[in-house]
Amino acid sequence: MKGRVIHLDQVGGREAAALVIDGALHDLLIAPQSDAPLPGAIFRAIVDRPMKGQGGVFVRMPANGSGFLRQVSGLSPGQRVLVQVTGTAEGSKATPVTTRLLFKSRFCIVTPGAPGLNISRRIRDEDLRTELAALAEAGMAGSSEGLILRSACEAAPDEDIARDIAETRALAEAVLADLDGGPELLVDGPSPHETAWRDWMDPAPDDLREGAFETDGVLDLIDEALSDRVSLPGGAFMTVEPTRALVAVDVNTGPDTSPAAGMKANVAAARDLPRQLRLRGLGGQIVVDFAPISKKDRAVLDQVLRAAFKGEAAETSLVGWSGLGLYELVRKRDRIPLSEALA
C-alpha cells in the first residue's frame, strides 16, 4: 500500500503500533512482556549510593527497582529526586534515568529547568510563528518552565493547541510539586498506541488502520525485520548481527562486480541503517564493515550517513572510521530489542 499508514493492533496479546510508508515498515513499537518501566515514565526516587569512577549514582525506585543517574552532582544519599526513564536496561542492569524531565504531548513539550518559549524550526511561516508565540506566552503565563511547540501545531486549530498546553503544563506542575513520600511511579510511559498518536501523526497519515496487522501484511514485514539479512538494490545485502559486546553490520555487493558496486551497496546500506537499527531496537556500540572503497570515497559516505541519521529520535554519535577501516557509531538504547519483545 502506497502512502503513510499507521497500524494499531496487538502482537501476542500485547499492544503494538506500526508505521508503514510506501509498503515498507518504518517504525514498530510493541509493549514489553515484563513490568519494566517504559521510556518516558517519571518516578519519585530516593538517591542511593554513588558509583565512584563512573560519574553517577544509583536511585531506588518502586518494587525494589533501581535506576542509574549519569553525570550528576550535588545529590546526597536519602535525598528525594524526580527522574525520568530514558531507555531500557540490559539484563539485570539498572534502568537509565535522568533528572531532566520532559512532559511531551502531541503539540507541545514542557521543559522544567529549561526556561524559554520555542517553536519548531520546521514551521517556517512567520505569521503562523507569531500566532503560535502568542499562544505559548498565554499558555505559560506565570510559569518559570520552558515550552516547545512541536511541528504538529502547523495544521492544528488554536483551541486544540491551547488546551494541550494547559493540560501538559498542569501535569508538569502537579508532578514537580509531588516530592513527598517514598519511591513511586508518578507518570507512566506512553504505550505504543499513545506514542503513535503523539509522534506519528505529523505529517498526517493517509490512513489509520486498526486490527489489520495480518490482513495488511504487517506481520510479514515484522518477520523480515527479525532476519539478520537485509536485501539492498542490485542484489547487494547487509547483515545485522547483535552480539553481547556490540552490533556487527556487514555490507556485501552480491553478484555485482562492477567498479561502482562497492559504493552503490554502501550508500544503500547507509541510507537504510537507521531504519534497520530502529526496527530491531538495537543500540550501544555499532561497527559497520562496509564493502571495500577507496579512502577518498569515505568522505561521500560520511555525508550520506550524517544525512541518514539526522532525523533520528534516538541520540546517535557517529564516531567515524577505525584504523581497520570499520565505521563506528554509538546509538542510544531507547527500546527493548525486537527479538526480546516478541519472545
C-alpha atoms as a PDB file:
ATOM      1  CA  MET A   1       0.000   0.000   0.000  1.00  0.00           C
ATOM      2  CA  LYS A   2       1.346   3.365  -1.027  1.00  0.00           C
ATOM      3  CA  GLY A   3       1.390   6.335   1.309  1.00  0.00           C
ATOM      4  CA  ARG A   4       1.836   6.754   5.035  1.00  0.00           C
ATOM      5  CA  VAL A   5      -0.233   4.293   7.075  1.00  0.00           C
ATOM      6  CA  ILE A   6      -0.408   3.903  10.857  1.00  0.00           C
ATOM      7  CA  HIS A   7      -1.444   0.446  12.071  1.00  0.00           C
ATOM      8  CA  LEU A   8      -2.744  -0.154  15.598  1.00  0.00           C
ATOM      9  CA  ASP A   9      -3.127  -3.775  16.661  1.00  0.00           C
ATOM     10  CA  GLN A  10      -1.778  -6.415  19.033  1.00  0.00           C
ATOM     11  CA  VAL A  11       1.034  -8.950  18.775  1.00  0.00           C
ATOM     12  CA  GLY A  12       0.921 -11.919  21.105  1.00  0.00           C
ATOM     13  CA  GLY A  13      -1.810 -10.245  23.141  1.00  0.00           C
ATOM     14  CA  ARG A  14       0.290  -7.104  23.645  1.00  0.00           C
ATOM     15  CA  GLU A  15      -0.371  -3.649  22.269  1.00  0.00           C
ATOM     16  CA  ALA A  16       1.580  -2.810  19.120  1.00  0.00           C
ATOM     17  CA  ALA A  17       1.812   0.027  16.611  1.00  0.00           C
ATOM     18  CA  ALA A  18       3.446   0.034  13.187  1.00  0.00           C
ATOM     19  CA  LEU A  19       4.242   2.887  10.817  1.00  0.00           C
ATOM     20  CA  VAL A  20       4.314   1.734   7.189  1.00  0.00           C
ATOM     21  CA  ILE A  21       5.479   4.105   4.446  1.00  0.00           C
ATOM     22  CA  ASP A  22       5.027   3.042   0.804  1.00  0.00           C
ATOM     23  CA  GLY A  23       4.804  -0.586   1.844  1.00  0.00           C
ATOM     24  CA  ALA A  24       7.981  -0.569   3.975  1.00  0.00           C
ATOM     25  CA  LEU A  25       7.978  -0.890   7.741  1.00  0.00           C
ATOM     26  CA  HIS A  26       9.357   2.418   9.027  1.00  0.00           C
ATOM     27  CA  ASP A  27       8.853   2.033  12.781  1.00  0.00           C
ATOM     28  CA  LEU A  28       7.456  -0.560  15.165  1.00  0.00           C
ATOM     29  CA  LEU A  29       6.530  -0.410  18.834  1.00  0.00           C
ATOM     30  CA  ILE A  30       5.480  -3.403  20.948  1.00  0.00           C
ATOM     31  CA  ALA A  31       4.555  -3.298  24.637  1.00  0.00           C
ATOM     32  CA  PRO A  32       7.059  -5.309  26.707  1.00  0.00           C
ATOM     33  CA  GLN A  33       6.079  -8.545  28.394  1.00  0.00           C
ATOM     34  CA  SER A  34       7.730  -7.582  31.670  1.00  0.00           C
ATOM     35  CA  ASP A  35       6.692  -4.875  34.104  1.00  0.00           C
ATOM     36  CA  ALA A  36       9.856  -2.897  33.349  1.00  0.00           C
ATOM     37  CA  PRO A  37       9.198   0.859  33.217  1.00  0.00           C
ATOM     38  CA  LEU A  38       8.536   2.301  29.783  1.00  0.00           C
ATOM     39  CA  PRO A  39      10.785   5.078  28.450  1.00  0.00           C
ATOM     40  CA  GLY A  40       9.256   8.422  29.410  1.00  0.00           C
ATOM     41  CA  ALA A  41       7.923   7.218  32.769  1.00  0.00           C
ATOM     42  CA  ILE A  42       8.517   9.624  35.665  1.00  0.00           C
ATOM     43  CA  PHE A  43       9.293   8.433  39.195  1.00  0.00           C
ATOM     44  CA  ARG A  44       9.853   9.865  42.607  1.00  0.00           C
ATOM     45  CA  ALA A  45      13.059   8.097  43.595  1.00  0.00           C
ATOM     46  CA  ILE A  46      15.494   8.055  46.512  1.00  0.00           C
ATOM     47  CA  VAL A  47      19.193   8.660  45.966  1.00  0.00           C
ATOM     48  CA  ASP A  48      21.098   5.550  46.997  1.00  0.00           C
ATOM     49  CA  ARG A  49      24.836   5.140  46.584  1.00  0.00           C
ATOM     50  CA  PRO A  50      27.314   6.826  44.254  1.00  0.00           C
ATOM     51  CA  MET A  51      29.357   4.865  41.735  1.00  0.00           C
ATOM     52  CA  LYS A  52      32.870   6.135  42.086  1.00  0.00           C
ATOM     53  CA  GLY A  53      34.730   6.364  38.803  1.00  0.00           C
ATOM     54  CA  GLN A  54      31.540   6.175  36.727  1.00  0.00           C
ATOM     55  CA  GLY A  55      30.239   9.688  37.408  1.00  0.00           C
ATOM     56  CA  GLY A  56      26.785   8.680  38.570  1.00  0.00           C
ATOM     57  CA  VAL A  57      24.585   7.415  41.377  1.00  0.00           C
ATOM     58  CA  PHE A  58      22.016   4.681  41.839  1.00  0.00           C
ATOM     59  CA  VAL A  59      18.488   5.644  42.849  1.00  0.00           C
ATOM     60  CA  ARG A  60      15.840   3.480  44.485  1.00  0.00           C
ATOM     61  CA  MET A  61      12.595   3.100  42.570  1.00  0.00           C
ATOM     62  CA  PRO A  62       9.320   1.272  43.401  1.00  0.00           C
ATOM     63  CA  ALA A  63       9.138  -2.523  43.731  1.00  0.00           C
ATOM     64  CA  ASN A  64      12.837  -2.758  44.614  1.00  0.00           C
ATOM     65  CA  GLY A  65      13.721  -1.292  41.261  1.00  0.00           C
ATOM     66  CA  SER A  66      16.960   0.545  40.635  1.00  0.00           C
ATOM     67  CA  GLY A  67      17.850   3.419  38.350  1.00  0.00           C
ATOM     68  CA  PHE A  68      21.183   4.894  37.355  1.00  0.00           C
ATOM     69  CA  LEU A  69      21.799   8.627  37.010  1.00  0.00           C
ATOM     70  CA  ARG A  70      24.853   9.630  34.979  1.00  0.00           C
ATOM     71  CA  GLN A  71      26.941  12.768  35.374  1.00  0.00           C
ATOM     72  CA  VAL A  72      25.185  14.252  38.360  1.00  0.00           C
ATOM     73  CA  SER A  73      26.490  16.225  41.305  1.00  0.00           C
ATOM     74  CA  GLY A  74      25.097  17.736  44.448  1.00  0.00           C
ATOM     75  CA  LEU A  75      22.944  14.735  45.370  1.00  0.00           C
ATOM     76  CA  SER A  76      23.245  13.012  48.739  1.00  0.00           C
ATOM     77  CA  PRO A  77      22.045   9.550  49.836  1.00  0.00           C
ATOM     78  CA  GLY A  78      18.455   9.574  51.048  1.00  0.00           C
ATOM     79  CA  GLN A  79      17.504  12.646  49.021  1.00  0.00           C
ATOM     80  CA  ARG A  80      14.232  12.527  47.079  1.00  0.00           C
ATOM     81  CA  VAL A  81      14.545  13.270  43.391  1.00  0.00           C
ATOM     82  CA  LEU A  82      12.297  13.184  40.330  1.00  0.00           C
ATOM     83  CA  VAL A  83      13.672  11.086  37.486  1.00  0.00           C
ATOM     84  CA  GLN A  84      12.518  10.086  34.017  1.00  0.00           C
ATOM     85  CA  VAL A  85      13.313   6.817  32.260  1.00  0.00           C
ATOM     86  CA  THR A  86      15.416   7.447  29.154  1.00  0.00           C
ATOM     87  CA  GLY A  87      15.833   3.942  27.772  1.00  0.00           C
ATOM     88  CA  THR A  88      15.809   0.255  28.520  1.00  0.00           C
ATOM     89  CA  ALA A  89      18.103  -1.728  30.792  1.00  0.00           C
ATOM     90  CA  GLU A  90      20.136  -4.715  29.661  1.00  0.00           C
ATOM     91  CA  GLY A  91      19.525  -7.852  31.684  1.00  0.00           C
ATOM     92  CA  SER A  92      19.812  -7.120  35.394  1.00  0.00           C
ATOM     93  CA  LYS A  93      21.341  -3.662  34.944  1.00  0.00           C
ATOM     94  CA  ALA A  94      19.765  -0.558  36.470  1.00  0.00           C
ATOM     95  CA  THR A  95      17.264   1.417  34.406  1.00  0.00           C
ATOM     96  CA  PRO A  96      18.835   4.528  32.814  1.00  0.00           C
ATOM     97  CA  VAL A  97      17.166   7.685  34.141  1.00  0.00           C
ATOM     98  CA  THR A  98      17.673  11.445  34.074  1.00  0.00           C
ATOM     99  CA  THR A  99      16.666  14.405  36.215  1.00  0.00           C
ATOM    100  CA  ARG A 100      15.992  16.478  33.084  1.00  0.00           C
ATOM    101  CA  LEU A 101      12.276  15.877  32.815  1.00  0.00           C
ATOM    102  CA  LEU A 102      10.282  16.347  29.620  1.00  0.00           C
ATOM    103  CA  PHE A 103       6.481  16.426  29.580  1.00  0.00           C
ATOM    104  CA  LYS A 104       5.699  15.556  26.000  1.00  0.00           C
ATOM    105  CA  SER A 105       2.332  15.720  24.258  1.00  0.00           C
ATOM    106  CA  ARG A 106       1.129  15.883  20.678  1.00  0.00           C
ATOM    107  CA  PHE A 107       1.506  19.633  20.225  1.00  0.00           C
ATOM    108  CA  CYS A 108       3.945  20.706  22.927  1.00  0.00           C
ATOM    109  CA  ILE A 109       6.757  19.761  25.290  1.00  0.00           C
ATOM    110  CA  VAL A 110       7.048  21.371  28.729  1.00  0.00           C
ATOM    111  CA  THR A 111      10.701  21.581  29.799  1.00  0.00           C
ATOM    112  CA  PRO A 112      11.224  22.116  33.547  1.00  0.00           C
ATOM    113  CA  GLY A 113      14.546  23.735  34.348  1.00  0.00           C
ATOM    114  CA  ALA A 114      14.963  24.940  30.771  1.00  0.00           C
ATOM    115  CA  PRO A 115      13.002  28.199  30.520  1.00  0.00           C
ATOM    116  CA  GLY A 116      12.088  29.825  27.237  1.00  0.00           C
ATOM    117  CA  LEU A 117       9.361  29.562  24.623  1.00  0.00           C
ATOM    118  CA  ASN A 118      10.398  27.867  21.407  1.00  0.00           C
ATOM    119  CA  ILE A 119       8.681  26.884  18.157  1.00  0.00           C
ATOM    120  CA  SER A 120       9.719  24.031  15.882  1.00  0.00           C
ATOM    121  CA  ARG A 121      12.026  25.218  13.105  1.00  0.00           C
ATOM    122  CA  ARG A 122      10.020  23.122  10.662  1.00  0.00           C
ATOM    123  CA  ILE A 123       7.298  25.774  10.919  1.00  0.00           C
ATOM    124  CA  ARG A 124       8.562  28.496   8.581  1.00  0.00           C
ATOM    125  CA  ASP A 125       5.515  30.737   8.062  1.00  0.00           C
ATOM    126  CA  GLU A 126       6.331  33.909  10.000  1.00  0.00           C
ATOM    127  CA  ASP A 127       2.693  34.900  10.548  1.00  0.00           C
ATOM    128  CA  LEU A 128       1.930  31.464  11.959  1.00  0.00           C
ATOM    129  CA  ARG A 129       5.009  31.578  14.182  1.00  0.00           C
ATOM    130  CA  THR A 130       3.788  34.904  15.574  1.00  0.00           C
ATOM    131  CA  GLU A 131       0.371  33.405  16.335  1.00  0.00           C
ATOM    132  CA  LEU A 132       1.927  30.357  17.976  1.00  0.00           C
ATOM    133  CA  ALA A 133       4.245  32.547  20.051  1.00  0.00           C
ATOM    134  CA  ALA A 134       1.188  34.370  21.397  1.00  0.00           C
ATOM    135  CA  LEU A 135      -0.459  31.053  22.275  1.00  0.00           C
ATOM    136  CA  ALA A 136       2.702  29.912  24.048  1.00  0.00           C
ATOM    137  CA  GLU A 137       3.006  33.132  26.046  1.00  0.00           C
ATOM    138  CA  ALA A 138      -0.640  32.965  27.113  1.00  0.00           C
ATOM    139  CA  GLY A 139      -0.467  29.289  27.999  1.00  0.00           C
ATOM    140  CA  MET A 140       2.729  29.591  30.065  1.00  0.00           C
ATOM    141  CA  ALA A 141       1.994  32.955  31.708  1.00  0.00           C
ATOM    142  CA  GLY A 142       3.301  32.998  35.263  1.00  0.00           C
ATOM    143  CA  SER A 143       5.330  29.793  34.824  1.00  0.00           C
ATOM    144  CA  SER A 144       9.098  29.513  35.120  1.00  0.00           C
ATOM    145  CA  GLU A 145       9.184  26.353  32.988  1.00  0.00           C
ATOM    146  CA  GLY A 146      10.007  26.221  29.307  1.00  0.00           C
ATOM    147  CA  LEU A 147       7.820  25.217  26.376  1.00  0.00           C
ATOM    148  CA  ILE A 148       8.440  23.855  22.895  1.00  0.00           C
ATOM    149  CA  LEU A 149       5.664  23.925  20.321  1.00  0.00           C
ATOM    150  CA  ARG A 150       6.032  20.940  18.006  1.00  0.00           C
ATOM    151  CA  SER A 151       5.691  20.909  14.225  1.00  0.00           C
ATOM    152  CA  ALA A 152       2.247  19.282  14.545  1.00  0.00           C
ATOM    153  CA  CYS A 153       0.962  22.735  15.545  1.00  0.00           C
ATOM    154  CA  GLU A 154       1.272  23.863  11.931  1.00  0.00           C
ATOM    155  CA  ALA A 155      -2.060  22.298  10.922  1.00  0.00           C
ATOM    156  CA  ALA A 156      -3.828  22.274  14.305  1.00  0.00           C
ATOM    157  CA  PRO A 157      -6.657  24.577  15.474  1.00  0.00           C
ATOM    158  CA  ASP A 158      -5.639  27.211  18.021  1.00  0.00           C
ATOM    159  CA  GLU A 159      -8.069  25.872  20.628  1.00  0.00           C
ATOM    160  CA  ASP A 160      -6.547  22.375  20.418  1.00  0.00           C
ATOM    161  CA  ILE A 161      -3.035  23.761  20.889  1.00  0.00           C
ATOM    162  CA  ALA A 162      -4.106  25.968  23.801  1.00  0.00           C
ATOM    163  CA  ARG A 163      -5.864  23.048  25.503  1.00  0.00           C
ATOM    164  CA  ASP A 164      -2.826  20.795  25.025  1.00  0.00           C
ATOM    165  CA  ILE A 165      -0.513  23.434  26.525  1.00  0.00           C
ATOM    166  CA  ALA A 166      -2.825  23.884  29.530  1.00  0.00           C
ATOM    167  CA  GLU A 167      -3.136  20.134  30.183  1.00  0.00           C
ATOM    168  CA  THR A 168       0.587  19.448  29.776  1.00  0.00           C
ATOM    169  CA  ARG A 169       1.519  22.393  31.998  1.00  0.00           C
ATOM    170  CA  ALA A 170      -0.941  21.250  34.685  1.00  0.00           C
ATOM    171  CA  LEU A 171       0.549  17.741  34.644  1.00  0.00           C
ATOM    172  CA  ALA A 172       4.087  19.104  34.881  1.00  0.00           C
ATOM    173  CA  GLU A 173       3.252  21.393  37.802  1.00  0.00           C
ATOM    174  CA  ALA A 174       1.477  18.601  39.679  1.00  0.00           C
ATOM    175  CA  VAL A 175       4.410  16.219  39.270  1.00  0.00           C
ATOM    176  CA  LEU A 176       7.061  18.792  40.174  1.00  0.00           C
ATOM    177  CA  ALA A 177       5.229  19.520  43.410  1.00  0.00           C
ATOM    178  CA  ASP A 178       4.937  15.850  44.384  1.00  0.00           C
ATOM    179  CA  LEU A 179       8.235  15.226  46.168  1.00  0.00           C
ATOM    180  CA  ASP A 180       6.877  13.906  49.472  1.00  0.00           C
ATOM    181  CA  GLY A 181       6.867  10.173  50.105  1.00  0.00           C
ATOM    182  CA  GLY A 182       8.805   7.105  49.098  1.00  0.00           C
ATOM    183  CA  PRO A 183       9.649   5.765  45.647  1.00  0.00           C
ATOM    184  CA  GLU A 184       6.569   5.955  43.422  1.00  0.00           C
ATOM    185  CA  LEU A 185       5.550   5.950  39.779  1.00  0.00           C
ATOM    186  CA  LEU A 186       4.082   9.393  39.072  1.00  0.00           C
ATOM    187  CA  VAL A 187       3.587   9.293  35.295  1.00  0.00           C
ATOM    188  CA  ASP A 188       3.598   6.113  33.245  1.00  0.00           C
ATOM    189  CA  GLY A 189       5.483   5.963  29.974  1.00  0.00           C
ATOM    190  CA  PRO A 190       3.407   6.132  26.778  1.00  0.00           C
ATOM    191  CA  SER A 191       2.065   2.886  25.336  1.00  0.00           C
ATOM    192  CA  PRO A 192       2.667   2.018  21.660  1.00  0.00           C
ATOM    193  CA  HIS A 193      -0.744   3.387  20.648  1.00  0.00           C
ATOM    194  CA  GLU A 194      -0.211   6.578  22.669  1.00  0.00           C
ATOM    195  CA  THR A 195       3.217   7.061  21.086  1.00  0.00           C
ATOM    196  CA  ALA A 196       1.738   6.593  17.609  1.00  0.00           C
ATOM    197  CA  TRP A 197      -0.899   9.256  18.338  1.00  0.00           C
ATOM    198  CA  ARG A 198       1.680  11.611  19.811  1.00  0.00           C
ATOM    199  CA  ASP A 199       4.629  11.230  17.449  1.00  0.00           C
ATOM    200  CA  TRP A 200       3.445   9.700  14.163  1.00  0.00           C
ATOM    201  CA  MET A 201       0.518  11.972  13.280  1.00  0.00           C
ATOM    202  CA  ASP A 202       2.749  14.649  11.754  1.00  0.00           C
ATOM    203  CA  PRO A 203       2.626  14.631   8.809  1.00  0.00           C
ATOM    204  CA  ALA A 204      -0.962  13.413   8.765  1.00  0.00           C
ATOM    205  CA  PRO A 205      -1.185   9.759   7.722  1.00  0.00           C
ATOM    206  CA  ASP A 206      -3.002   8.705   4.568  1.00  0.00           C
ATOM    207  CA  ASP A 207      -4.786   6.035   6.581  1.00  0.00           C
ATOM    208  CA  LEU A 208      -5.087   4.743  10.129  1.00  0.00           C
ATOM    209  CA  ARG A 209      -5.887   1.049  10.386  1.00  0.00           C
ATOM    210  CA  GLU A 210      -6.889  -0.889  13.482  1.00  0.00           C
ATOM    211  CA  GLY A 211      -6.651  -4.657  13.881  1.00  0.00           C
ATOM    212  CA  ALA A 212      -5.217  -5.211  10.393  1.00  0.00           C
ATOM    213  CA  PHE A 213      -1.668  -6.471  11.054  1.00  0.00           C
ATOM    214  CA  GLU A 214      -2.445  -9.846   9.491  1.00  0.00           C
ATOM    215  CA  THR A 215      -4.674  -8.786   6.609  1.00  0.00           C
ATOM    216  CA  ASP A 216      -2.392  -5.910   5.555  1.00  0.00           C
ATOM    217  CA  GLY A 217       0.821  -7.937   5.697  1.00  0.00           C
ATOM    218  CA  VAL A 218       2.348  -6.127   8.682  1.00  0.00           C
ATOM    219  CA  LEU A 219       3.175  -9.447  10.355  1.00  0.00           C
ATOM    220  CA  ASP A 220       5.218 -10.408   7.269  1.00  0.00           C
ATOM    221  CA  LEU A 221       7.097  -7.099   7.485  1.00  0.00           C
ATOM    222  CA  ILE A 222       7.847  -7.824  11.153  1.00  0.00           C
ATOM    223  CA  ASP A 223       9.214 -11.248  10.210  1.00  0.00           C
ATOM    224  CA  GLU A 224      11.535  -9.529   7.709  1.00  0.00           C
ATOM    225  CA  ALA A 225      12.798  -7.244  10.483  1.00  0.00           C
ATOM    226  CA  LEU A 226      13.700 -10.308  12.543  1.00  0.00           C
ATOM    227  CA  SER A 227      16.004 -11.610   9.813  1.00  0.00           C
ATOM    228  CA  ASP A 228      19.731 -10.866  10.023  1.00  0.00           C
ATOM    229  CA  ARG A 229      19.884 -10.338   6.258  1.00  0.00           C
ATOM    230  CA  VAL A 230      18.666  -7.109   4.647  1.00  0.00           C
ATOM    231  CA  SER A 231      18.292  -7.013   0.858  1.00  0.00           C
ATOM    232  CA  LEU A 232      19.661  -3.967  -0.973  1.00  0.00           C
ATOM    233  CA  PRO A 233      19.219  -2.859  -4.615  1.00  0.00           C
ATOM    234  CA  GLY A 234      21.128  -4.705  -7.324  1.00  0.00           C
ATOM    235  CA  GLY A 235      21.443  -7.938  -5.355  1.00  0.00           C
ATOM    236  CA  ALA A 236      23.589  -6.370  -2.627  1.00  0.00           C
ATOM    237  CA  PHE A 237      22.785  -7.099   1.010  1.00  0.00           C
ATOM    238  CA  MET A 238      23.859  -6.369   4.551  1.00  0.00           C
ATOM    239  CA  THR A 239      23.705  -8.484   7.676  1.00  0.00           C
ATOM    240  CA  VAL A 240      22.866  -7.015  11.079  1.00  0.00           C
ATOM    241  CA  GLU A 241      24.009  -9.253  13.924  1.00  0.00           C
ATOM    242  CA  PRO A 242      23.829  -8.205  17.585  1.00  0.00           C
ATOM    243  CA  THR A 243      26.411  -9.692  19.933  1.00  0.00           C
ATOM    244  CA  ARG A 244      26.805  -9.168  23.659  1.00  0.00           C
ATOM    245  CA  ALA A 245      29.517  -6.544  23.149  1.00  0.00           C
ATOM    246  CA  LEU A 246      28.313  -4.719  20.041  1.00  0.00           C
ATOM    247  CA  VAL A 247      26.171  -4.809  16.913  1.00  0.00           C
ATOM    248  CA  ALA A 248      28.078  -6.012  13.851  1.00  0.00           C
ATOM    249  CA  VAL A 249      26.927  -4.881  10.405  1.00  0.00           C
ATOM    250  CA  ASP A 250      28.461  -6.307   7.239  1.00  0.00           C
ATOM    251  CA  VAL A 251      27.807  -4.909   3.740  1.00  0.00           C
ATOM    252  CA  ASN A 252      28.226  -7.102   0.652  1.00  0.00           C
ATOM    253  CA  THR A 253      27.932  -6.262  -3.053  1.00  0.00           C
ATOM    254  CA  GLY A 254      26.398  -9.593  -4.018  1.00  0.00           C
ATOM    255  CA  PRO A 255      26.751 -10.634  -7.681  1.00  0.00           C
ATOM    256  CA  ASP A 256      27.623  -7.105  -8.889  1.00  0.00           C
ATOM    257  CA  THR A 257      31.320  -6.969  -9.821  1.00  0.00           C
ATOM    258  CA  SER A 258      31.368  -3.529 -11.485  1.00  0.00           C
ATOM    259  CA  PRO A 259      33.836  -0.877 -10.233  1.00  0.00           C
ATOM    260  CA  ALA A 260      30.993   1.110  -8.651  1.00  0.00           C
ATOM    261  CA  ALA A 261      29.427  -1.885  -6.901  1.00  0.00           C
ATOM    262  CA  GLY A 262      31.028  -1.187  -3.525  1.00  0.00           C
ATOM    263  CA  MET A 263      29.958   2.439  -3.384  1.00  0.00           C
ATOM    264  CA  LYS A 264      26.407   1.683  -4.544  1.00  0.00           C
ATOM    265  CA  ALA A 265      25.978  -1.016  -1.901  1.00  0.00           C
ATOM    266  CA  ASN A 266      27.491   1.179   0.821  1.00  0.00           C
ATOM    267  CA  VAL A 267      25.268   4.173   0.039  1.00  0.00           C
ATOM    268  CA  ALA A 268      22.151   1.983   0.040  1.00  0.00           C
ATOM    269  CA  ALA A 269      23.186   0.370   3.324  1.00  0.00           C
ATOM    270  CA  ALA A 270      23.999   3.719   4.956  1.00  0.00           C
ATOM    271  CA  ARG A 271      20.613   5.164   3.999  1.00  0.00           C
ATOM    272  CA  ASP A 272      18.746   2.153   5.381  1.00  0.00           C
ATOM    273  CA  LEU A 273      20.870   1.597   8.500  1.00  0.00           C
ATOM    274  CA  PRO A 274      18.940   3.976  10.828  1.00  0.00           C
ATOM    275  CA  ARG A 275      15.657   2.254   9.961  1.00  0.00           C
ATOM    276  CA  GLN A 276      17.084  -1.207  10.474  1.00  0.00           C
ATOM    277  CA  LEU A 277      18.530  -0.336  13.892  1.00  0.00           C
ATOM    278  CA  ARG A 278      15.278   1.369  14.909  1.00  0.00           C
ATOM    279  CA  LEU A 279      13.076  -1.574  13.867  1.00  0.00           C
ATOM    280  CA  ARG A 280      15.301  -4.091  15.614  1.00  0.00           C
ATOM    281  CA  GLY A 281      15.569  -1.981  18.763  1.00  0.00           C
ATOM    282  CA  LEU A 282      19.365  -2.158  18.636  1.00  0.00           C
ATOM    283  CA  GLY A 283      21.712   0.297  20.294  1.00  0.00           C
ATOM    284  CA  GLY A 284      25.027   0.606  22.061  1.00  0.00           C
ATOM    285  CA  GLN A 285      28.258   0.234  20.102  1.00  0.00           C
ATOM    286  CA  ILE A 286      27.735  -0.477  16.409  1.00  0.00           C
ATOM    287  CA  VAL A 287      30.515  -1.435  13.993  1.00  0.00           C
ATOM    288  CA  VAL A 288      29.941  -1.438  10.234  1.00  0.00           C
ATOM    289  CA  ASP A 289      32.170  -3.316   7.805  1.00  0.00           C
ATOM    290  CA  PHE A 290      31.334  -1.531   4.558  1.00  0.00           C
ATOM    291  CA  ALA A 291      32.192  -3.006   1.167  1.00  0.00           C
ATOM    292  CA  PRO A 292      35.730  -2.021   0.061  1.00  0.00           C
ATOM    293  CA  ILE A 293      36.036   1.533  -1.279  1.00  0.00           C
ATOM    294  CA  SER A 294      38.922   3.951  -1.666  1.00  0.00           C
ATOM    295  CA  LYS A 295      39.734   6.289   1.217  1.00  0.00           C
ATOM    296  CA  LYS A 296      38.777   9.324  -0.876  1.00  0.00           C
ATOM    297  CA  ASP A 297      35.233   7.895  -1.248  1.00  0.00           C
ATOM    298  CA  ARG A 298      34.811   7.693   2.524  1.00  0.00           C
ATOM    299  CA  ALA A 299      34.029  11.425   2.662  1.00  0.00           C
ATOM    300  CA  VAL A 300      30.993  10.876   0.425  1.00  0.00           C
ATOM    301  CA  LEU A 301      29.824   8.010   2.605  1.00  0.00           C
ATOM    302  CA  ASP A 302      30.292  10.189   5.696  1.00  0.00           C
ATOM    303  CA  GLN A 303      27.876  12.735   4.222  1.00  0.00           C
ATOM    304  CA  VAL A 304      25.317  10.031   3.426  1.00  0.00           C
ATOM    305  CA  LEU A 305      25.489   8.681   6.987  1.00  0.00           C
ATOM    306  CA  ARG A 306      25.110  12.127   8.558  1.00  0.00           C
ATOM    307  CA  ALA A 307      22.070  12.836   6.399  1.00  0.00           C
ATOM    308  CA  ALA A 308      20.548   9.423   7.155  1.00  0.00           C
ATOM    309  CA  PHE A 309      20.831   9.784  10.938  1.00  0.00           C
ATOM    310  CA  LYS A 310      19.917  13.482  11.048  1.00  0.00           C
ATOM    311  CA  GLY A 311      16.209  12.954  11.745  1.00  0.00           C
ATOM    312  CA  GLU A 312      16.588  10.060  14.178  1.00  0.00           C
ATOM    313  CA  ALA A 313      14.856  10.437  17.533  1.00  0.00           C
ATOM    314  CA  ALA A 314      17.371   8.190  19.297  1.00  0.00           C
ATOM    315  CA  GLU A 315      20.580  10.003  20.199  1.00  0.00           C
ATOM    316  CA  THR A 316      23.327   8.791  17.873  1.00  0.00           C
ATOM    317  CA  SER A 317      27.032   9.617  17.799  1.00  0.00           C
ATOM    318  CA  LEU A 318      28.835   8.976  14.513  1.00  0.00           C
ATOM    319  CA  VAL A 319      32.355   8.223  15.699  1.00  0.00           C
ATOM    320  CA  GLY A 320      33.987   7.590  12.330  1.00  0.00           C
ATOM    321  CA  TRP A 321      36.493   5.222  10.749  1.00  0.00           C
ATOM    322  CA  SER A 322      38.750   2.966  12.763  1.00  0.00           C
ATOM    323  CA  GLY A 323      42.306   2.020  11.884  1.00  0.00           C
ATOM    324  CA  LEU A 324      41.000  -1.248  10.453  1.00  0.00           C
ATOM    325  CA  GLY A 325      38.663   0.554   8.068  1.00  0.00           C
ATOM    326  CA  LEU A 326      35.490  -0.147  10.065  1.00  0.00           C
ATOM    327  CA  TYR A 327      32.911   2.544  10.703  1.00  0.00           C
ATOM    328  CA  GLU A 328      31.916   3.048  14.336  1.00  0.00           C
ATOM    329  CA  LEU A 329      28.854   4.691  15.868  1.00  0.00           C
ATOM    330  CA  VAL A 330      27.003   4.659  19.167  1.00  0.00           C
ATOM    331  CA  ARG A 331      23.206   4.674  19.353  1.00  0.00           C
ATOM    332  CA  LYS A 332      21.159   5.144  22.492  1.00  0.00           C
ATOM    333  CA  ARG A 333      19.129   2.112  23.568  1.00  0.00           C
ATOM    334  CA  ASP A 334      15.639   3.624  23.509  1.00  0.00           C
ATOM    335  CA  ARG A 335      13.625   0.384  23.412  1.00  0.00           C
ATOM    336  CA  ILE A 336      13.993  -3.322  24.008  1.00  0.00           C
ATOM    337  CA  PRO A 337      15.338  -5.411  21.112  1.00  0.00           C
ATOM    338  CA  LEU A 338      12.629  -6.693  18.774  1.00  0.00           C
ATOM    339  CA  SER A 339      13.754 -10.290  19.303  1.00  0.00           C
ATOM    340  CA  GLU A 340      13.131  -9.893  23.051  1.00  0.00           C
ATOM    341  CA  ALA A 341       9.844  -8.045  22.574  1.00  0.00           C
ATOM    342  CA  LEU A 342       8.475 -10.951  20.561  1.00  0.00           C
ATOM    343  CA  ALA A 343       9.981 -13.725  22.710  1.00  0.00           C
END
